[in-house]
Amino acid sequence: AGGSLRLSCAVSGRTFSNKAMGWFRQAPGKERAFVA
């Protein structure tokens, strides 16, 4: 607690620049929720 992490998401296959992106998270027993 109090620390930091940086997540990365590499996208391949088709044009990346016309993609809006999002991060979601899912805790055990919970629905997948919007983050950013």
PDB file of all heavy atoms in Angstrom:
ATOM      1  N   ALA A   1       0.840  -1.192   0.000  1.00  0.00           N
ATOM      2  CA  ALA A   1       0.000   0.000   0.000  1.00  0.00           C
ATOM      3  C   ALA A   1       0.878   1.246   0.000  1.00  0.00           C
ATOM      4  O   ALA A   1       1.890   1.307   0.698  1.00  0.00           O
ATOM      5  CB  ALA A   1      -0.921  -0.003   1.213  1.00  0.00           C
ATOM      6  N   GLY A   2       0.477   2.218  -0.823  1.00  0.00           N
ATOM      7  CA  GLY A   2       1.266   3.430  -0.981  1.00  0.00           C
ATOM      8  C   GLY A   2       2.256   3.378  -2.122  1.00  0.00           C
ATOM      9  O   GLY A   2       2.818   4.412  -2.507  1.00  0.00           O
ATOM     10  N   GLY A   3       2.462   2.203  -2.661  1.00  0.00           N
ATOM     11  CA  GLY A   3       3.417   2.031  -3.755  1.00  0.00           C
ATOM     12  C   GLY A   3       2.816   2.363  -5.106  1.00  0.00           C
ATOM     13  O   GLY A   3       1.676   2.822  -5.215  1.00  0.00           O
ATOM     14  N   SER A   4       3.621   2.110  -6.139  1.00  0.00           N
ATOM     15  CA  SER A   4       3.233   2.451  -7.503  1.00  0.00           C
ATOM     16  C   SER A   4       3.479   1.290  -8.441  1.00  0.00           C
ATOM     17  O   SER A   4       4.368   0.466  -8.213  1.00  0.00           O
ATOM     18  CB  SER A   4       4.033   3.659  -8.004  1.00  0.00           C
ATOM     19  OG  SER A   4       3.792   4.813  -7.231  1.00  0.00           O
ATOM     20  N   LEU A   5       2.706   1.239  -9.501  1.00  0.00           N
ATOM     21  CA  LEU A   5       2.908   0.319 -10.608  1.00  0.00           C
ATOM     22  C   LEU A   5       2.538   1.043 -11.892  1.00  0.00           C
ATOM     23  O   LEU A   5       1.689   1.933 -11.879  1.00  0.00           O
ATOM     24  CB  LEU A   5       2.026  -0.932 -10.482  1.00  0.00           C
ATOM     25  CG  LEU A   5       2.407  -2.011  -9.481  1.00  0.00           C
ATOM     26  CD1 LEU A   5       1.297  -3.070  -9.428  1.00  0.00           C
ATOM     27  CD2 LEU A   5       3.727  -2.663  -9.843  1.00  0.00           C
ATOM     28  N   ARG A   6       3.173   0.632 -12.996  1.00  0.00           N
ATOM     29  CA  ARG A   6       2.756   1.138 -14.295  1.00  0.00           C
ATOM     30  C   ARG A   6       2.358  -0.051 -15.172  1.00  0.00           C
ATOM     31  O   ARG A   6       3.179  -0.923 -15.459  1.00  0.00           O
ATOM     32  CB  ARG A   6       3.854   1.942 -14.982  1.00  0.00           C
ATOM     33  CG  ARG A   6       3.335   2.603 -16.259  1.00  0.00           C
ATOM     34  CD  ARG A   6       4.327   3.536 -16.898  1.00  0.00           C
ATOM     35  NE  ARG A   6       5.259   2.830 -17.776  1.00  0.00           N
ATOM     36  CZ  ARG A   6       5.857   3.383 -18.818  1.00  0.00           C
ATOM     37  NH1 ARG A   6       5.614   4.656 -19.125  1.00  0.00           N
ATOM     38  NH2 ARG A   6       6.711   2.696 -19.545  1.00  0.00           N
ATOM     39  N   LEU A   7       1.119  -0.059 -15.566  1.00  0.00           N
ATOM     40  CA  LEU A   7       0.622  -1.078 -16.484  1.00  0.00           C
ATOM     41  C   LEU A   7       0.800  -0.605 -17.920  1.00  0.00           C
ATOM     42  O   LEU A   7       0.662   0.589 -18.213  1.00  0.00           O
ATOM     43  CB  LEU A   7      -0.854  -1.372 -16.220  1.00  0.00           C
ATOM     44  CG  LEU A   7      -1.245  -1.751 -14.790  1.00  0.00           C
ATOM     45  CD1 LEU A   7      -2.737  -2.101 -14.742  1.00  0.00           C
ATOM     46  CD2 LEU A   7      -0.407  -2.892 -14.280  1.00  0.00           C
ATOM     47  N   SER A   8       1.088  -1.541 -18.789  1.00  0.00           N
ATOM     48  CA  SER A   8       1.184  -1.263 -20.220  1.00  0.00           C
ATOM     49  C   SER A   8       0.232  -2.176 -20.966  1.00  0.00           C
ATOM     50  O   SER A   8      -0.050  -3.292 -20.525  1.00  0.00           O
ATOM     51  CB  SER A   8       2.608  -1.508 -20.725  1.00  0.00           C
ATOM     52  OG  SER A   8       3.542  -0.680 -20.081  1.00  0.00           O
ATOM     53  N   CYS A   9      -0.246  -1.687 -22.084  1.00  0.00           N
ATOM     54  CA  CYS A   9      -1.095  -2.488 -22.960  1.00  0.00           C
ATOM     55  C   CYS A   9      -0.599  -2.290 -24.382  1.00  0.00           C
ATOM     56  O   CYS A   9      -0.745  -1.203 -24.950  1.00  0.00           O
ATOM     57  CB  CYS A   9      -2.548  -2.072 -22.825  1.00  0.00           C
ATOM     58  SG  CYS A   9      -3.656  -2.895 -23.986  1.00  0.00           S
ATOM     59  N   ALA A  10      -0.007  -3.334 -24.933  1.00  0.00           N
ATOM     60  CA  ALA A  10       0.493  -3.280 -26.298  1.00  0.00           C
ATOM     61  C   ALA A  10      -0.580  -3.761 -27.252  1.00  0.00           C
ATOM     62  O   ALA A  10      -1.183  -4.813 -27.035  1.00  0.00           O
ATOM     63  CB  ALA A  10       1.744  -4.143 -26.424  1.00  0.00           C
ATOM     64  N   VAL A  11      -0.807  -2.993 -28.296  1.00  0.00           N
ATOM     65  CA  VAL A  11      -1.868  -3.288 -29.258  1.00  0.00           C
ATOM     66  C   VAL A  11      -1.249  -3.631 -30.604  1.00  0.00           C
ATOM     67  O   VAL A  11      -0.372  -2.909 -31.098  1.00  0.00           O
ATOM     68  CB  VAL A  11      -2.815  -2.091 -29.407  1.00  0.00           C
ATOM     69  CG1 VAL A  11      -3.947  -2.422 -30.390  1.00  0.00           C
ATOM     70  CG2 VAL A  11      -3.383  -1.685 -28.064  1.00  0.00           C
ATOM     71  N   SER A  12      -1.691  -4.708 -31.198  1.00  0.00           N
ATOM     72  CA  SER A  12      -1.177  -5.102 -32.497  1.00  0.00           C
ATOM     73  C   SER A  12      -2.322  -5.581 -33.373  1.00  0.00           C
ATOM     74  O   SER A  12      -3.427  -5.815 -32.902  1.00  0.00           O
ATOM     75  CB  SER A  12      -0.134  -6.214 -32.351  1.00  0.00           C
ATOM     76  OG  SER A  12      -0.717  -7.368 -31.779  1.00  0.00           O
ATOM     77  N   GLY A  13      -2.035  -5.693 -34.647  1.00  0.00           N
ATOM     78  CA  GLY A  13      -2.997  -6.275 -35.567  1.00  0.00           C
ATOM     79  C   GLY A  13      -3.606  -5.285 -36.530  1.00  0.00           C
ATOM     80  O   GLY A  13      -3.770  -5.595 -37.703  1.00  0.00           O
ATOM     81  N   ARG A  14      -3.969  -4.122 -36.033  1.00  0.00           N
ATOM     82  CA  ARG A  14      -4.556  -3.098 -36.908  1.00  0.00           C
ATOM     83  C   ARG A  14      -4.169  -1.731 -36.379  1.00  0.00           C
ATOM     84  O   ARG A  14      -3.514  -1.604 -35.375  1.00  0.00           O
ATOM     85  CB  ARG A  14      -6.079  -3.239 -36.965  1.00  0.00           C
ATOM     86  CG  ARG A  14      -6.509  -4.428 -37.789  1.00  0.00           C
ATOM     87  CD  ARG A  14      -7.934  -4.318 -38.250  1.00  0.00           C
ATOM     88  NE  ARG A  14      -8.295  -5.443 -39.098  1.00  0.00           N
ATOM     89  CZ  ARG A  14      -9.518  -5.661 -39.543  1.00  0.00           C
ATOM     90  NH1 ARG A  14     -10.493  -4.831 -39.237  1.00  0.00           N
ATOM     91  NH2 ARG A  14      -9.779  -6.691 -40.313  1.00  0.00           N
ATOM     92  N   THR A  15      -4.607  -0.722 -37.086  1.00  0.00           N
ATOM     93  CA  THR A  15      -4.229   0.640 -36.714  1.00  0.00           C
ATOM     94  C   THR A  15      -4.578   0.933 -35.268  1.00  0.00           C
ATOM     95  O   THR A  15      -5.705   0.710 -34.831  1.00  0.00           O
ATOM     96  CB  THR A  15      -4.947   1.642 -37.627  1.00  0.00           C
ATOM     97  OG1 THR A  15      -4.643   1.323 -38.978  1.00  0.00           O
ATOM     98  CG2 THR A  15      -4.482   3.057 -37.332  1.00  0.00           C
ATOM     99  N   PHE A  16      -3.588   1.427 -34.536  1.00  0.00           N
ATOM    100  CA  PHE A  16      -3.799   1.761 -33.127  1.00  0.00           C
ATOM    101  C   PHE A  16      -4.321   3.179 -32.981  1.00  0.00           C
ATOM    102  O   PHE A  16      -5.108   3.468 -32.082  1.00  0.00           O
ATOM    103  CB  PHE A  16      -2.471   1.608 -32.384  1.00  0.00           C
ATOM    104  CG  PHE A  16      -2.519   2.051 -30.958  1.00  0.00           C
ATOM    105  CD1 PHE A  16      -3.280   1.357 -30.032  1.00  0.00           C
ATOM    106  CD2 PHE A  16      -1.802   3.153 -30.519  1.00  0.00           C
ATOM    107  CE1 PHE A  16      -3.320   1.746 -28.705  1.00  0.00           C
ATOM    108  CE2 PHE A  16      -1.831   3.557 -29.198  1.00  0.00           C
ATOM    109  CZ  PHE A  16      -2.583   2.848 -28.286  1.00  0.00           C
ATOM    110  N   SER A  17      -3.900   4.066 -33.875  1.00  0.00           N
ATOM    111  CA  SER A  17      -4.183   5.487 -33.637  1.00  0.00           C
ATOM    112  C   SER A  17      -5.657   5.822 -33.731  1.00  0.00           C
ATOM    113  O   SER A  17      -6.077   6.857 -33.209  1.00  0.00           O
ATOM    114  CB  SER A  17      -3.388   6.358 -34.600  1.00  0.00           C
ATOM    115  OG  SER A  17      -3.737   6.048 -35.938  1.00  0.00           O
ATOM    116  N   ASN A  18      -6.468   4.987 -34.387  1.00  0.00           N
ATOM    117  CA  ASN A  18      -7.905   5.295 -34.419  1.00  0.00           C
ATOM    118  C   ASN A  18      -8.667   4.472 -33.380  1.00  0.00           C
ATOM    119  O   ASN A  18      -9.817   4.099 -33.576  1.00  0.00           O
ATOM    120  CB  ASN A  18      -8.493   5.065 -35.809  1.00  0.00           C
ATOM    121  CG  ASN A  18      -8.540   3.599 -36.189  1.00  0.00           C
ATOM    122  OD1 ASN A  18      -7.780   2.786 -35.671  1.00  0.00           O
ATOM    123  ND2 ASN A  18      -9.442   3.247 -37.078  1.00  0.00           N
ATOM    124  N   LYS A  19      -7.999   4.163 -32.301  1.00  0.00           N
ATOM    125  CA  LYS A  19      -8.620   3.401 -31.220  1.00  0.00           C
ATOM    126  C   LYS A  19      -8.706   4.251 -29.956  1.00  0.00           C
ATOM    127  O   LYS A  19      -7.686   4.736 -29.459  1.00  0.00           O
ATOM    128  CB  LYS A  19      -7.825   2.143 -30.898  1.00  0.00           C
ATOM    129  CG  LYS A  19      -7.626   1.167 -32.048  1.00  0.00           C
ATOM    130  CD  LYS A  19      -8.887   0.450 -32.401  1.00  0.00           C
ATOM    131  CE  LYS A  19      -8.642  -0.659 -33.426  1.00  0.00           C
ATOM    132  NZ  LYS A  19      -8.249  -0.126 -34.736  1.00  0.00           N
ATOM    133  N   ALA A  20      -9.910   4.458 -29.457  1.00  0.00           N
ATOM    134  CA  ALA A  20     -10.062   4.963 -28.099  1.00  0.00           C
ATOM    135  C   ALA A  20      -9.774   3.809 -27.157  1.00  0.00           C
ATOM    136  O   ALA A  20     -10.125   2.651 -27.448  1.00  0.00           O
ATOM    137  CB  ALA A  20     -11.467   5.496 -27.884  1.00  0.00           C
ATOM    138  N   MET A  21      -9.128   4.098 -26.054  1.00  0.00           N
ATOM    139  CA  MET A  21      -8.676   3.029 -25.155  1.00  0.00           C
ATOM    140  C   MET A  21      -9.235   3.223 -23.755  1.00  0.00           C
ATOM    141  O   MET A  21      -9.509   4.349 -23.324  1.00  0.00           O
ATOM    142  CB  MET A  21      -7.155   3.016 -25.093  1.00  0.00           C
ATOM    143  CG  MET A  21      -6.449   2.823 -26.422  1.00  0.00           C
ATOM    144  SD  MET A  21      -6.779   1.215 -27.167  1.00  0.00           S
ATOM    145  CE  MET A  21      -6.045   0.118 -25.949  1.00  0.00           C
ATOM    146  N   GLY A  22      -9.357   2.118 -23.051  1.00  0.00           N
ATOM    147  CA  GLY A  22      -9.823   2.183 -21.681  1.00  0.00           C
ATOM    148  C   GLY A  22      -9.154   1.127 -20.825  1.00  0.00           C
ATOM    149  O   GLY A  22      -8.640   0.128 -21.331  1.00  0.00           O
ATOM    150  N   TRP A  23      -9.150   1.381 -19.536  1.00  0.00           N
ATOM    151  CA  TRP A  23      -8.714   0.404 -18.539  1.00  0.00           C
ATOM    152  C   TRP A  23      -9.908   0.098 -17.627  1.00  0.00           C
ATOM    153  O   TRP A  23     -10.620   1.011 -17.194  1.00  0.00           O
ATOM    154  CB  TRP A  23      -7.567   0.940 -17.690  1.00  0.00           C
ATOM    155  CG  TRP A  23      -6.241   0.945 -18.370  1.00  0.00           C
ATOM    156  CD1 TRP A  23      -5.649   2.002 -19.005  1.00  0.00           C
ATOM    157  CD2 TRP A  23      -5.327  -0.152 -18.488  1.00  0.00           C
ATOM    158  NE1 TRP A  23      -4.423   1.628 -19.502  1.00  0.00           N
ATOM    159  CE2 TRP A  23      -4.202   0.308 -19.193  1.00  0.00           C
ATOM    160  CE3 TRP A  23      -5.338  -1.477 -18.063  1.00  0.00           C
ATOM    161  CZ2 TRP A  23      -3.110  -0.500 -19.495  1.00  0.00           C
ATOM    162  CZ3 TRP A  23      -4.260  -2.282 -18.348  1.00  0.00           C
ATOM    163  CH2 TRP A  23      -3.153  -1.794 -19.065  1.00  0.00           C
ATOM    164  N   PHE A  24     -10.092  -1.183 -17.363  1.00  0.00           N
ATOM    165  CA  PHE A  24     -11.128  -1.654 -16.455  1.00  0.00           C
ATOM    166  C   PHE A  24     -10.465  -2.577 -15.448  1.00  0.00           C
ATOM    167  O   PHE A  24      -9.354  -3.068 -15.662  1.00  0.00           O
ATOM    168  CB  PHE A  24     -12.214  -2.418 -17.228  1.00  0.00           C
ATOM    169  CG  PHE A  24     -13.057  -1.534 -18.109  1.00  0.00           C
ATOM    170  CD1 PHE A  24     -12.555  -1.044 -19.314  1.00  0.00           C
ATOM    171  CD2 PHE A  24     -14.346  -1.185 -17.744  1.00  0.00           C
ATOM    172  CE1 PHE A  24     -13.314  -0.222 -20.127  1.00  0.00           C
ATOM    173  CE2 PHE A  24     -15.120  -0.376 -18.552  1.00  0.00           C
ATOM    174  CZ  PHE A  24     -14.598   0.108 -19.740  1.00  0.00           C
ATOM    175  N   ARG A  25     -11.154  -2.856 -14.370  1.00  0.00           N
ATOM    176  CA  ARG A  25     -10.643  -3.810 -13.396  1.00  0.00           C
ATOM    177  C   ARG A  25     -11.774  -4.645 -12.830  1.00  0.00           C
ATOM    178  O   ARG A  25     -12.925  -4.210 -12.790  1.00  0.00           O
ATOM    179  CB  ARG A  25      -9.887  -3.092 -12.280  1.00  0.00           C
ATOM    180  CG  ARG A  25     -10.732  -2.210 -11.383  1.00  0.00           C
ATOM    181  CD  ARG A  25      -9.830  -1.435 -10.420  1.00  0.00           C
ATOM    182  NE  ARG A  25     -10.581  -0.581  -9.507  1.00  0.00           N
ATOM    183  CZ  ARG A  25     -10.020   0.273  -8.656  1.00  0.00           C
ATOM    184  NH1 ARG A  25      -8.682   0.385  -8.605  1.00  0.00           N
ATOM    185  NH2 ARG A  25     -10.760   1.008  -7.861  1.00  0.00           N
ATOM    186  N   GLN A  26     -11.388  -5.839 -12.414  1.00  0.00           N
ATOM    187  CA  GLN A  26     -12.370  -6.759 -11.845  1.00  0.00           C
ATOM    188  C   GLN A  26     -11.774  -7.421 -10.622  1.00  0.00           C
ATOM    189  O   GLN A  26     -10.794  -8.167 -10.724  1.00  0.00           O
ATOM    190  CB  GLN A  26     -12.790  -7.806 -12.875  1.00  0.00           C
ATOM    191  CG  GLN A  26     -13.934  -8.672 -12.438  1.00  0.00           C
ATOM    192  CD  GLN A  26     -14.538  -9.457 -13.586  1.00  0.00           C
ATOM    193  OE1 GLN A  26     -13.945  -9.584 -14.661  1.00  0.00           O
ATOM    194  NE2 GLN A  26     -15.721  -9.982 -13.382  1.00  0.00           N
ATOM    195  N   ALA A  27     -12.379  -7.134  -9.486  1.00  0.00           N
ATOM    196  CA  ALA A  27     -11.985  -7.760  -8.233  1.00  0.00           C
ATOM    197  C   ALA A  27     -12.757  -9.059  -8.071  1.00  0.00           C
ATOM    198  O   ALA A  27     -13.836  -9.226  -8.668  1.00  0.00           O
ATOM    199  CB  ALA A  27     -12.251  -6.814  -7.077  1.00  0.00           C
ATOM    200  N   PRO A  28     -12.235  -9.996  -7.276  1.00  0.00           N
ATOM    201  CA  PRO A  28     -12.925 -11.270  -7.091  1.00  0.00           C
ATOM    202  C   PRO A  28     -14.369 -11.069  -6.615  1.00  0.00           C
ATOM    203  O   PRO A  28     -14.626 -10.309  -5.669  1.00  0.00           O
ATOM    204  CB  PRO A  28     -12.085 -11.964  -6.014  1.00  0.00           C
ATOM    205  CG  PRO A  28     -10.724 -11.375  -6.172  1.00  0.00           C
ATOM    206  CD  PRO A  28     -10.948  -9.950  -6.561  1.00  0.00           C
ATOM    207  N   GLY A  29     -15.289 -11.703  -7.296  1.00  0.00           N
ATOM    208  CA  GLY A  29     -16.691 -11.635  -6.915  1.00  0.00           C
ATOM    209  C   GLY A  29     -17.407 -10.360  -7.307  1.00  0.00           C
ATOM    210  O   GLY A  29     -18.562 -10.154  -6.929  1.00  0.00           O
ATOM    211  N   LYS A  30     -16.729  -9.506  -8.068  1.00  0.00           N
ATOM    212  CA  LYS A  30     -17.342  -8.231  -8.456  1.00  0.00           C
ATOM    213  C   LYS A  30     -17.417  -8.097  -9.969  1.00  0.00           C
ATOM    214  O   LYS A  30     -16.743  -8.804 -10.712  1.00  0.00           O
ATOM    215  CB  LYS A  30     -16.553  -7.065  -7.860  1.00  0.00           C
ATOM    216  CG  LYS A  30     -16.597  -7.001  -6.338  1.00  0.00           C
ATOM    217  CD  LYS A  30     -16.008  -5.709  -5.825  1.00  0.00           C
ATOM    218  CE  LYS A  30     -16.168  -5.606  -4.329  1.00  0.00           C
ATOM    219  NZ  LYS A  30     -15.614  -4.326  -3.802  1.00  0.00           N
ATOM    220  N   GLU A  31     -18.238  -7.153 -10.395  1.00  0.00           N
ATOM    221  CA  GLU A  31     -18.350  -6.855 -11.819  1.00  0.00           C
ATOM    222  C   GLU A  31     -17.107  -6.124 -12.307  1.00  0.00           C
ATOM    223  O   GLU A  31     -16.413  -5.453 -11.537  1.00  0.00           O
ATOM    224  CB  GLU A  31     -19.574  -5.957 -12.055  1.00  0.00           C
ATOM    225  CG  GLU A  31     -20.911  -6.583 -11.729  1.00  0.00           C
ATOM    226  CD  GLU A  31     -21.388  -7.479 -12.845  1.00  0.00           C
ATOM    227  OE1 GLU A  31     -21.096  -7.184 -14.025  1.00  0.00           O
ATOM    228  OE2 GLU A  31     -22.034  -8.501 -12.537  1.00  0.00           O
ATOM    229  N   ARG A  32     -16.852  -6.246 -13.606  1.00  0.00           N
ATOM    230  CA  ARG A  32     -15.767  -5.487 -14.211  1.00  0.00           C
ATOM    231  C   ARG A  32     -16.158  -4.012 -14.204  1.00  0.00           C
ATOM    232  O   ARG A  32     -17.251  -3.648 -14.652  1.00  0.00           O
ATOM    233  CB  ARG A  32     -15.508  -5.969 -15.636  1.00  0.00           C
ATOM    234  CG  ARG A  32     -14.230  -5.433 -16.231  1.00  0.00           C
ATOM    235  CD  ARG A  32     -13.898  -6.130 -17.537  1.00  0.00           C
ATOM    236  NE  ARG A  32     -13.648  -7.566 -17.344  1.00  0.00           N
ATOM    237  CZ  ARG A  32     -13.176  -8.366 -18.290  1.00  0.00           C
ATOM    238  NH1 ARG A  32     -12.899  -7.885 -19.494  1.00  0.00           N
ATOM    239  NH2 ARG A  32     -12.987  -9.651 -18.032  1.00  0.00           N
ATOM    240  N   ALA A  33     -15.253  -3.175 -13.714  1.00  0.00           N
ATOM    241  CA  ALA A  33     -15.576  -1.765 -13.500  1.00  0.00           C
ATOM    242  C   ALA A  33     -14.618  -0.848 -14.249  1.00  0.00           C
ATOM    243  O   ALA A  33     -13.428  -1.148 -14.397  1.00  0.00           O
ATOM    244  CB  ALA A  33     -15.521  -1.450 -12.007  1.00  0.00           C
ATOM    245  N   PHE A  34     -15.139   0.263 -14.677  1.00  0.00           N
ATOM    246  CA  PHE A  34     -14.355   1.271 -15.397  1.00  0.00           C
ATOM    247  C   PHE A  34     -13.299   1.889 -14.474  1.00  0.00           C
ATOM    248  O   PHE A  34     -13.567   2.179 -13.305  1.00  0.00           O
ATOM    249  CB  PHE A  34     -15.299   2.362 -15.906  1.00  0.00           C
ATOM    250  CG  PHE A  34     -14.598   3.571 -16.445  1.00  0.00           C
ATOM    251  CD1 PHE A  34     -14.008   3.550 -17.693  1.00  0.00           C
ATOM    252  CD2 PHE A  34     -14.516   4.736 -15.688  1.00  0.00           C
ATOM    253  CE1 PHE A  34     -13.348   4.659 -18.188  1.00  0.00           C
ATOM    254  CE2 PHE A  34     -13.874   5.855 -16.176  1.00  0.00           C
ATOM    255  CZ  PHE A  34     -13.283   5.817 -17.430  1.00  0.00           C
ATOM    256  N   VAL A  35     -12.112   2.123 -15.029  1.00  0.00           N
ATOM    257  CA  VAL A  35     -11.044   2.778 -14.284  1.00  0.00           C
ATOM    258  C   VAL A  35     -10.657   4.098 -14.952  1.00  0.00           C
ATOM    259  O   VAL A  35     -10.646   5.151 -14.322  1.00  0.00           O
ATOM    260  CB  VAL A  35      -9.799   1.865 -14.185  1.00  0.00           C
ATOM    261  CG1 VAL A  35      -8.640   2.602 -13.518  1.00  0.00           C
ATOM    262  CG2 VAL A  35     -10.134   0.591 -13.430  1.00  0.00           C
ATOM    263  N   ALA A  36     -10.317   4.027 -16.242  1.00  0.00           N
ATOM    264  CA  ALA A  36      -9.833   5.223 -16.938  1.00  0.00           C
ATOM    265  C   ALA A  36     -10.008   5.034 -18.432  1.00  0.00           C
ATOM    266  O   ALA A  36     -10.033   3.904 -18.920  1.00  0.00           O
ATOM    267  CB  ALA A  36      -8.375   5.497 -16.609  1.00  0.00           C
TER     268      ALA A  36
END
